[in-house]
Amino acid sequence: MATSARCHLNKGVGQVCMPLPPGDTVPAMYIWMEGTGGGLRCETQTLDSEPQSVEELPEWNFDGSSTLQSEGSNSDMYLIPAAMFWDPFRKDPDKLEFCEVLKYNRKPPETNLRRTCKRIMDMVSNQHPWFGMEQKYTLMGTDGHPFGWPSNGFPGPQGPHYCGVGVDSAHDRDTVEAHYWACVYVGLRTTGTKAELRPIPWEFQIGPCEGMEMGDRLWVVCFILHRVCEDFGVTATFDPKPGPRNWNGAGCRTNFSTKATREENGLRYPEEKYTERLSEQHQYHVRACDPHGGRDNARRRAGFNETSNTNGLSAGVANRSASIRAPHDVGQEKKGYVEDRRPSANCDPSGVAEALIRTFLNETGEEPFQYKNEVDWTRSHPTPSNSSTRSTRTPPPPPPLS
């Protein structure tokens, strides 16, 4: 398996400079999504003092023609800080900032689903929607070969790798542990990690997070994962079905609840309640859970390997082959959350969260916003050049609301 040249460099040389005090200045790493809708970019700005809140961070700009977001003749794009965290690589007081991107005219580009998601989240803030996401990923060599797999052929059957221990069951735990501890240090509500059923995929969990916190934190956790992978010389891919064999795919299962569902008898009949509403807007959710309008999940959700068929909708208690699953304790206590098992690993969390909110909490029948007033949904979108990106996002059109 091939690893990057960077992982073979003497890291001790760089550590000679890293502990040097920066004086009164504070380096701030600005992070944003590129034009593919899934790849991440970053740049550092030196601030004169430590910001105490995201509102104190200055806006910045970048060359959008180099990130597939603008033409060279009018390339300036704006970075609007949206969330701020500690920097696990440079340490406190240095910062990481996840930013929204705006075009030269201060309107969001096609891949900025955060802006529209925030609008509808603000409308339902009194219902306190909570999200928890279970993000799967696969570690690969720089040659595109899964880490730890035989150079010629495939590993043994899946099964022993799930939550596995030992060199034959858990591959590259060093990268996973380094990523996990970096996220714990930052305070990203990374609630766990584990090896998955298929050889080499891993999973981390985030949440519960309320409203917009979910998407912001998930993107930053993914950024930290890519940064950690740099040091280990591997790459992380979020492809929902890497490899040709009949193995489980990679999803981003989304746990969802509201203030009402968390109260007594809030989920008396979870199968009926959620199936009825989701059936009305099934095609919208298929597109929102999948960055390629359903094609990625068609590879993953074929009706086997613990998935439901992407063409249908099902729900059940403790049923891992259902589209919507309620855990046993929720079925017994009649309150809590449900698990949407449809989103692919390379989904946009803002798009997934918005679809759930629009379906279950927008009961007035009013349009929360006019998509076409801000974004031209018919504009073509580039193909990602890096398989490790989360998605190439073609935003779905809004569904009709009942």
Protein backbone atom coordinates (compact mmCIF):
# COMPACT_ATOMS: atom_id res chain seq x y z
CA MET A 1 0.00 0.00 0.00
CA ALA A 2 1.33 3.44 -0.96
CA THR A 3 1.57 6.26 1.59
CA SER A 4 2.45 9.89 0.99
CA ALA A 5 6.04 11.13 1.09
CA ARG A 6 5.08 13.56 3.85
CA CYS A 7 4.52 10.79 6.39
CA HIS A 8 8.16 9.72 6.00
CA LEU A 9 9.58 13.13 6.88
CA ASN A 10 11.19 13.72 10.25
CA LYS A 11 8.38 15.32 12.25
CA GLY A 12 10.76 16.17 15.05
CA VAL A 13 12.31 18.92 12.94
CA GLY A 14 9.01 20.74 12.67
CA GLN A 15 8.34 20.34 16.38
CA VAL A 16 11.38 22.50 17.11
CA CYS A 17 9.47 25.51 15.78
CA MET A 18 5.90 24.66 16.81
CA PRO A 19 6.34 25.41 20.56
CA LEU A 20 7.71 28.90 19.85
CA PRO A 21 5.37 31.51 21.40
CA PRO A 22 3.47 33.66 18.85
CA GLY A 23 3.63 36.76 21.04
CA ASP A 24 0.35 38.65 21.24
CA THR A 25 -0.90 37.33 17.90
CA VAL A 26 -3.29 34.42 17.36
CA PRO A 27 -3.27 32.28 14.19
CA ALA A 28 -6.78 31.54 12.94
CA MET A 29 -7.42 28.76 10.39
CA TYR A 30 -10.34 29.59 8.08
CA ILE A 31 -12.08 26.46 6.70
CA TRP A 32 -14.65 26.36 3.92
CA MET A 33 -16.23 24.10 1.31
CA GLU A 34 -14.91 24.28 -2.23
CA GLY A 35 -16.99 24.22 -5.39
CA THR A 36 -17.41 20.44 -5.43
CA GLY A 37 -19.70 20.75 -2.41
CA GLY A 38 -17.62 18.30 -0.40
CA GLY A 39 -13.93 19.13 -0.60
CA LEU A 40 -12.54 21.41 2.11
CA ARG A 41 -10.04 24.25 1.77
CA CYS A 42 -8.26 26.29 4.44
CA GLU A 43 -5.98 29.27 4.94
CA THR A 44 -4.51 30.96 8.00
CA GLN A 45 -4.83 34.58 9.06
CA THR A 46 -2.79 36.06 11.91
CA LEU A 47 -5.02 38.04 14.28
CA ASP A 48 -3.77 40.80 16.59
CA SER A 49 -5.60 39.36 19.60
CA GLU A 50 -7.56 36.31 20.65
CA PRO A 51 -11.22 36.45 19.51
CA GLN A 52 -13.71 35.71 22.26
CA SER A 53 -16.60 34.92 19.93
CA VAL A 54 -17.22 34.20 16.26
CA GLU A 55 -18.61 37.73 15.87
CA GLU A 56 -15.13 39.13 16.58
CA LEU A 57 -13.58 37.24 13.65
CA PRO A 58 -13.00 39.35 10.54
CA GLU A 59 -14.41 38.39 7.17
CA TRP A 60 -11.81 37.31 4.66
CA ASN A 61 -11.62 36.43 0.99
CA PHE A 62 -10.04 33.97 -1.42
CA ASP A 63 -9.64 33.24 -5.11
CA GLY A 64 -12.77 31.37 -6.12
CA SER A 65 -11.44 30.53 -9.58
CA SER A 66 -8.97 28.12 -7.91
CA THR A 67 -11.72 26.37 -5.92
CA LEU A 68 -14.25 25.85 -8.73
CA GLN A 69 -16.47 28.64 -7.38
CA SER A 70 -15.96 31.57 -9.75
CA GLU A 71 -14.38 32.74 -12.99
CA GLY A 72 -10.93 34.29 -13.08
CA SER A 73 -12.30 37.60 -14.36
CA ASN A 74 -14.32 38.08 -11.15
CA SER A 75 -12.80 35.66 -8.68
CA ASP A 76 -13.11 37.23 -5.21
CA MET A 77 -15.21 35.18 -2.79
CA TYR A 78 -16.01 36.11 0.80
CA LEU A 79 -15.42 33.97 3.89
CA ILE A 80 -18.01 34.63 6.61
CA PRO A 81 -17.03 32.95 9.93
CA ALA A 82 -19.94 30.87 11.21
CA ALA A 83 -18.46 28.73 14.01
CA MET A 84 -15.23 28.88 16.01
CA PHE A 85 -13.29 26.11 17.78
CA TRP A 86 -9.91 25.48 19.36
CA ASP A 87 -7.12 24.35 17.07
CA PRO A 88 -5.92 20.85 18.11
CA PHE A 89 -2.76 21.12 15.99
CA ARG A 90 -1.46 24.53 17.03
CA LYS A 91 -3.17 24.38 20.45
CA ASP A 92 -4.90 27.04 22.53
CA PRO A 93 -5.36 30.00 22.00
CA ASP A 94 -5.19 29.37 18.22
CA LYS A 95 -8.52 28.86 16.45
CA LEU A 96 -10.32 26.93 13.75
CA GLU A 97 -13.19 28.71 12.00
CA PHE A 98 -15.76 27.09 9.78
CA CYS A 99 -16.97 29.66 7.27
CA GLU A 100 -19.81 30.24 4.90
CA VAL A 101 -18.89 31.31 1.39
CA LEU A 102 -20.52 34.24 -0.42
CA LYS A 103 -20.03 35.35 -4.00
CA TYR A 104 -18.87 38.80 -5.07
CA ASN A 105 -22.49 40.01 -4.86
CA ARG A 106 -22.87 38.70 -1.28
CA LYS A 107 -25.16 35.86 -2.40
CA PRO A 108 -24.41 32.22 -1.55
CA PRO A 109 -22.97 29.92 -4.21
CA GLU A 110 -24.74 26.70 -5.12
CA THR A 111 -22.85 24.64 -2.56
CA ASN A 112 -23.68 26.87 0.41
CA LEU A 113 -26.63 24.91 1.78
CA ARG A 114 -25.91 26.24 5.27
CA ARG A 115 -27.48 29.61 4.50
CA THR A 116 -30.86 28.18 3.52
CA CYS A 117 -30.78 25.56 6.28
CA LYS A 118 -30.20 28.24 8.92
CA ARG A 119 -33.24 30.18 7.80
CA ILE A 120 -35.58 27.29 8.38
CA MET A 121 -33.80 26.30 11.62
CA ASP A 122 -34.45 29.80 12.95
CA MET A 123 -38.13 29.38 12.13
CA VAL A 124 -38.44 26.26 14.29
CA SER A 125 -35.96 27.11 17.05
CA ASN A 126 -38.73 26.95 19.67
CA GLN A 127 -39.11 23.24 18.89
CA HIS A 128 -35.44 22.55 19.69
CA PRO A 129 -34.55 20.03 16.97
CA TRP A 130 -31.67 17.75 17.96
CA PHE A 131 -29.45 15.83 15.58
CA GLY A 132 -26.85 13.13 16.02
CA MET A 133 -24.87 11.79 13.06
CA GLU A 134 -23.01 8.49 12.71
CA GLN A 135 -20.39 9.21 10.04
CA LYS A 136 -18.63 6.34 8.29
CA TYR A 137 -15.41 6.67 6.30
CA THR A 138 -12.78 4.43 4.70
CA LEU A 139 -9.02 4.86 5.04
CA MET A 140 -7.12 4.44 1.78
CA GLY A 141 -3.54 4.52 0.60
CA THR A 142 -2.46 7.24 -1.81
CA ASP A 143 -2.78 4.66 -4.59
CA GLY A 144 -6.50 4.27 -3.86
CA HIS A 145 -6.06 0.84 -2.26
CA PRO A 146 -7.89 0.33 1.07
CA PHE A 147 -5.49 0.44 4.00
CA GLY A 148 -4.60 -3.00 5.34
CA TRP A 149 -6.06 -4.96 2.44
CA PRO A 150 -3.90 -7.55 0.67
CA SER A 151 -1.96 -6.03 -2.24
CA ASN A 152 -3.45 -8.64 -4.56
CA GLY A 153 -6.98 -9.69 -3.72
CA PHE A 154 -9.45 -9.04 -0.93
CA PRO A 155 -9.62 -9.62 2.83
CA GLY A 156 -11.81 -12.25 4.43
CA PRO A 157 -15.58 -11.94 4.86
CA GLN A 158 -16.99 -9.01 6.78
CA GLY A 159 -18.23 -9.53 10.32
CA PRO A 160 -15.18 -10.05 12.58
CA HIS A 161 -14.12 -6.44 11.96
CA TYR A 162 -17.20 -4.89 13.62
CA CYS A 163 -15.94 -3.28 16.85
CA GLY A 164 -12.96 -5.55 16.33
CA VAL A 165 -9.74 -5.74 18.32
CA GLY A 166 -6.43 -7.06 17.04
CA VAL A 167 -4.22 -6.59 14.04
CA ASP A 168 -6.39 -8.82 11.85
CA SER A 169 -9.62 -6.99 12.70
CA ALA A 170 -8.80 -3.32 13.31
CA HIS A 171 -6.66 -1.63 10.66
CA ASP A 172 -4.88 1.73 11.25
CA ARG A 173 -6.25 2.39 14.72
CA ASP A 174 -3.42 4.92 15.19
CA THR A 175 -5.04 7.32 12.71
CA VAL A 176 -8.48 6.78 14.22
CA GLU A 177 -7.31 7.37 17.81
CA ALA A 178 -5.35 10.50 16.88
CA HIS A 179 -8.42 11.90 15.13
CA TYR A 180 -10.71 11.01 18.03
CA TRP A 181 -8.53 12.68 20.66
CA ALA A 182 -8.06 15.79 18.54
CA CYS A 183 -11.85 16.13 18.30
CA VAL A 184 -12.31 15.56 22.03
CA TYR A 185 -9.75 18.29 22.73
CA VAL A 186 -11.62 20.71 20.50
CA GLY A 187 -14.95 19.96 22.21
CA LEU A 188 -16.83 18.89 19.08
CA ARG A 189 -19.19 16.52 20.92
CA THR A 190 -17.59 13.51 19.30
CA THR A 191 -19.41 10.93 21.36
CA GLY A 192 -17.70 7.80 20.10
CA THR A 193 -15.82 5.86 17.44
CA LYS A 194 -15.67 2.22 16.34
CA ALA A 195 -14.53 -0.14 13.62
CA GLU A 196 -17.27 -1.02 11.16
CA LEU A 197 -18.50 -4.33 9.75
CA ARG A 198 -16.51 -4.25 6.51
CA PRO A 199 -12.69 -4.41 6.66
CA ILE A 200 -11.16 -0.91 7.18
CA PRO A 201 -14.21 1.41 7.41
CA TRP A 202 -14.51 3.28 10.69
CA GLU A 203 -17.23 5.41 12.21
CA PHE A 204 -17.38 8.42 14.48
CA GLN A 205 -20.50 9.80 16.14
CA ILE A 206 -21.37 13.42 16.87
CA GLY A 207 -24.21 14.78 18.95
CA PRO A 208 -26.71 15.45 20.10
CA CYS A 209 -26.40 18.93 18.62
CA GLU A 210 -29.19 21.46 18.31
CA GLY A 211 -30.00 23.15 15.03
CA MET A 212 -27.08 24.42 12.97
CA GLU A 213 -24.45 23.05 15.38
CA MET A 214 -24.71 19.64 13.74
CA GLY A 215 -23.53 20.61 10.27
CA ASP A 216 -20.82 22.99 11.48
CA ARG A 217 -19.33 20.42 13.83
CA LEU A 218 -19.46 17.58 11.32
CA TRP A 219 -17.55 19.58 8.71
CA VAL A 220 -14.87 20.55 11.22
CA VAL A 221 -14.52 16.93 12.40
CA CYS A 222 -14.03 15.92 8.76
CA PHE A 223 -11.42 18.65 8.32
CA ILE A 224 -9.52 17.36 11.37
CA LEU A 225 -9.70 13.84 9.96
CA HIS A 226 -8.08 14.95 6.70
CA ARG A 227 -5.38 16.84 8.62
CA VAL A 228 -4.58 13.80 10.77
CA CYS A 229 -4.47 11.63 7.65
CA GLU A 230 -1.82 13.98 6.22
CA ASP A 231 0.55 13.04 9.04
CA PHE A 232 -0.08 9.32 8.63
CA GLY A 233 0.22 9.43 4.84
CA VAL A 234 -3.25 8.02 4.12
CA THR A 235 -6.49 9.45 2.78
CA ALA A 236 -10.07 9.26 4.04
CA THR A 237 -12.85 8.67 1.54
CA PHE A 238 -16.56 9.12 2.17
CA ASP A 239 -17.61 7.16 -0.91
CA PRO A 240 -20.80 5.32 0.11
CA LYS A 241 -19.81 2.12 -1.72
CA PRO A 242 -16.04 1.82 -2.12
CA GLY A 243 -14.93 -1.47 -3.61
CA PRO A 244 -16.70 -3.88 -5.93
CA ARG A 245 -17.63 -6.68 -3.54
CA ASN A 246 -20.94 -7.44 -1.86
CA TRP A 247 -20.17 -5.68 1.42
CA ASN A 248 -21.92 -3.09 3.53
CA GLY A 249 -21.66 0.45 2.22
CA ALA A 250 -20.88 3.64 4.12
CA GLY A 251 -23.65 5.93 5.29
CA CYS A 252 -24.19 8.84 7.64
CA ARG A 253 -27.12 7.74 9.76
CA THR A 254 -28.92 10.70 11.24
CA ASN A 255 -30.72 10.60 14.58
CA PHE A 256 -33.46 13.21 14.86
CA SER A 257 -35.76 14.40 17.64
CA THR A 258 -37.70 17.46 18.73
CA LYS A 259 -38.90 18.79 22.05
CA ALA A 260 -42.27 17.16 21.40
CA THR A 261 -40.87 13.71 20.56
CA ARG A 262 -38.70 13.75 23.67
CA GLU A 263 -41.73 14.29 25.94
CA GLU A 264 -44.06 11.61 27.29
CA ASN A 265 -45.86 9.74 24.49
CA GLY A 266 -44.07 11.91 21.94
CA LEU A 267 -43.44 8.86 19.74
CA ARG A 268 -46.35 6.54 20.39
CA TYR A 269 -46.38 5.13 16.88
CA PRO A 270 -43.02 6.02 15.31
CA GLU A 271 -43.41 3.71 12.31
CA GLU A 272 -46.77 5.16 11.25
CA LYS A 273 -45.97 8.81 12.00
CA TYR A 274 -42.69 8.98 10.16
CA THR A 275 -43.65 6.73 7.24
CA GLU A 276 -46.71 8.82 6.42
CA ARG A 277 -44.88 12.14 6.29
CA LEU A 278 -41.77 10.83 4.56
CA SER A 279 -43.79 9.02 1.91
CA GLU A 280 -45.28 12.32 0.80
CA GLN A 281 -41.82 13.77 0.08
CA HIS A 282 -39.82 10.62 -0.55
CA GLN A 283 -38.12 11.78 -3.75
CA TYR A 284 -37.04 15.04 -2.15
CA HIS A 285 -35.35 13.10 0.66
CA VAL A 286 -33.69 10.72 -1.80
CA ARG A 287 -32.04 13.74 -3.43
CA ALA A 288 -31.25 15.51 -0.15
CA CYS A 289 -29.58 12.41 1.33
CA ASP A 290 -27.42 11.86 -1.72
CA PRO A 291 -25.07 14.34 -3.43
CA HIS A 292 -25.70 12.88 -6.87
CA GLY A 293 -29.47 12.95 -6.89
CA GLY A 294 -29.88 9.31 -5.83
CA ARG A 295 -27.13 7.62 -7.82
CA ASP A 296 -24.76 7.12 -4.86
CA ASN A 297 -27.41 5.59 -2.64
CA ALA A 298 -28.56 3.39 -5.50
CA ARG A 299 -25.16 1.71 -5.17
CA ARG A 300 -25.38 1.49 -1.39
CA ARG A 301 -29.12 1.07 -0.75
CA ALA A 302 -29.91 -1.95 -2.87
CA GLY A 303 -32.17 -3.65 -0.33
CA PHE A 304 -29.51 -5.86 1.25
CA ASN A 305 -26.43 -5.46 3.47
CA GLU A 306 -28.54 -3.77 6.15
CA THR A 307 -30.15 -1.26 3.80
CA SER A 308 -33.61 -0.56 2.47
CA ASN A 309 -34.17 -0.15 -1.25
CA THR A 310 -33.75 3.45 -2.34
CA ASN A 311 -36.98 3.26 -4.35
CA GLY A 312 -39.11 2.52 -1.32
CA LEU A 313 -39.65 3.72 2.23
CA SER A 314 -39.98 1.57 5.32
CA ALA A 315 -39.89 2.01 9.08
CA GLY A 316 -39.60 -0.28 12.07
CA VAL A 317 -38.45 -0.70 15.65
CA ALA A 318 -34.89 -2.09 15.86
CA ASN A 319 -35.02 -3.03 12.17
CA ARG A 320 -31.61 -2.32 10.63
CA SER A 321 -32.92 -2.90 7.11
CA ALA A 322 -35.57 -0.17 7.41
CA SER A 323 -35.28 3.36 6.06
CA ILE A 324 -36.35 4.80 9.42
CA ARG A 325 -35.47 2.90 12.58
CA ALA A 326 -36.57 3.49 16.16
CA PRO A 327 -34.41 1.86 18.87
CA HIS A 328 -36.06 -0.68 21.18
CA ASP A 329 -36.04 1.66 24.16
CA VAL A 330 -37.84 4.33 22.11
CA GLY A 331 -40.46 1.80 21.07
CA GLN A 332 -40.98 0.83 24.71
CA GLU A 333 -40.90 4.31 26.25
CA LYS A 334 -42.85 5.97 23.40
CA LYS A 335 -40.53 8.96 23.33
CA GLY A 336 -37.08 9.94 22.11
CA TYR A 337 -35.61 9.92 18.61
CA VAL A 338 -35.67 8.04 15.33
CA GLU A 339 -32.74 7.11 13.10
CA ASP A 340 -32.82 8.02 9.42
CA ARG A 341 -30.60 5.37 7.83
CA ARG A 342 -30.80 6.74 4.27
CA PRO A 343 -28.13 9.50 4.05
CA SER A 344 -24.97 8.48 2.24
CA ALA A 345 -21.54 8.97 3.80
CA ASN A 346 -20.80 11.89 1.48
CA CYS A 347 -24.03 13.76 2.19
CA ASP A 348 -24.19 17.43 3.07
CA PRO A 349 -25.39 17.55 6.70
CA SER A 350 -27.15 20.87 6.13
CA GLY A 351 -29.16 19.39 3.27
CA VAL A 352 -30.13 16.33 5.34
CA ALA A 353 -31.11 18.42 8.37
CA GLU A 354 -33.13 20.85 6.27
CA ALA A 355 -35.08 18.03 4.63
CA LEU A 356 -36.03 16.59 8.02
CA ILE A 357 -37.08 19.98 9.36
CA ARG A 358 -39.12 20.83 6.27
CA THR A 359 -40.91 17.49 6.46
CA PHE A 360 -41.70 17.22 10.16
CA LEU A 361 -41.77 20.75 11.58
CA ASN A 362 -43.01 22.97 8.75
CA GLU A 363 -46.70 22.18 9.21
CA THR A 364 -48.05 25.57 8.09
CA GLY A 365 -47.64 24.80 4.40
CA GLU A 366 -45.73 28.02 3.85
CA GLU A 367 -42.50 28.20 1.89
CA PRO A 368 -39.74 28.99 4.43
CA PHE A 369 -37.74 30.69 1.67
CA GLN A 370 -37.64 31.02 -2.09
CA TYR A 371 -34.81 28.90 -3.44
CA LYS A 372 -34.72 30.44 -6.88
CA ASN A 373 -34.46 33.99 -5.57
CA GLU A 374 -30.98 33.17 -4.32
CA VAL A 375 -29.64 30.14 -6.16
CA ASP A 376 -29.86 28.95 -9.73
CA TRP A 377 -30.47 25.25 -9.10
CA THR A 378 -30.16 24.34 -12.78
CA ARG A 379 -26.54 25.44 -13.07
CA SER A 380 -24.23 22.54 -13.90
CA HIS A 381 -21.70 21.44 -11.33
CA PRO A 382 -18.11 20.21 -11.68
CA THR A 383 -16.96 16.69 -10.98
CA PRO A 384 -14.71 16.25 -7.92
CA SER A 385 -11.06 15.63 -8.63
CA ASN A 386 -10.39 14.03 -5.24
CA SER A 387 -12.20 10.87 -4.16
CA SER A 388 -11.75 11.79 -0.51
CA THR A 389 -14.19 14.71 -0.73
CA ARG A 390 -17.55 14.28 0.94
CA SER A 391 -19.71 15.18 -2.03
CA THR A 392 -20.28 16.88 -5.31
CA ARG A 393 -23.44 18.70 -4.47
CA THR A 394 -26.24 19.42 -6.91
CA PRO A 395 -28.86 20.92 -4.56
CA PRO A 396 -32.34 19.42 -4.86
CA PRO A 397 -35.33 21.54 -5.82
CA PRO A 398 -37.75 22.32 -2.98
CA PRO A 399 -40.60 19.82 -2.54
CA PRO A 400 -44.25 20.84 -2.55
CA LEU A 401 -45.34 21.35 1.04
CA SER A 402 -48.62 19.95 2.24
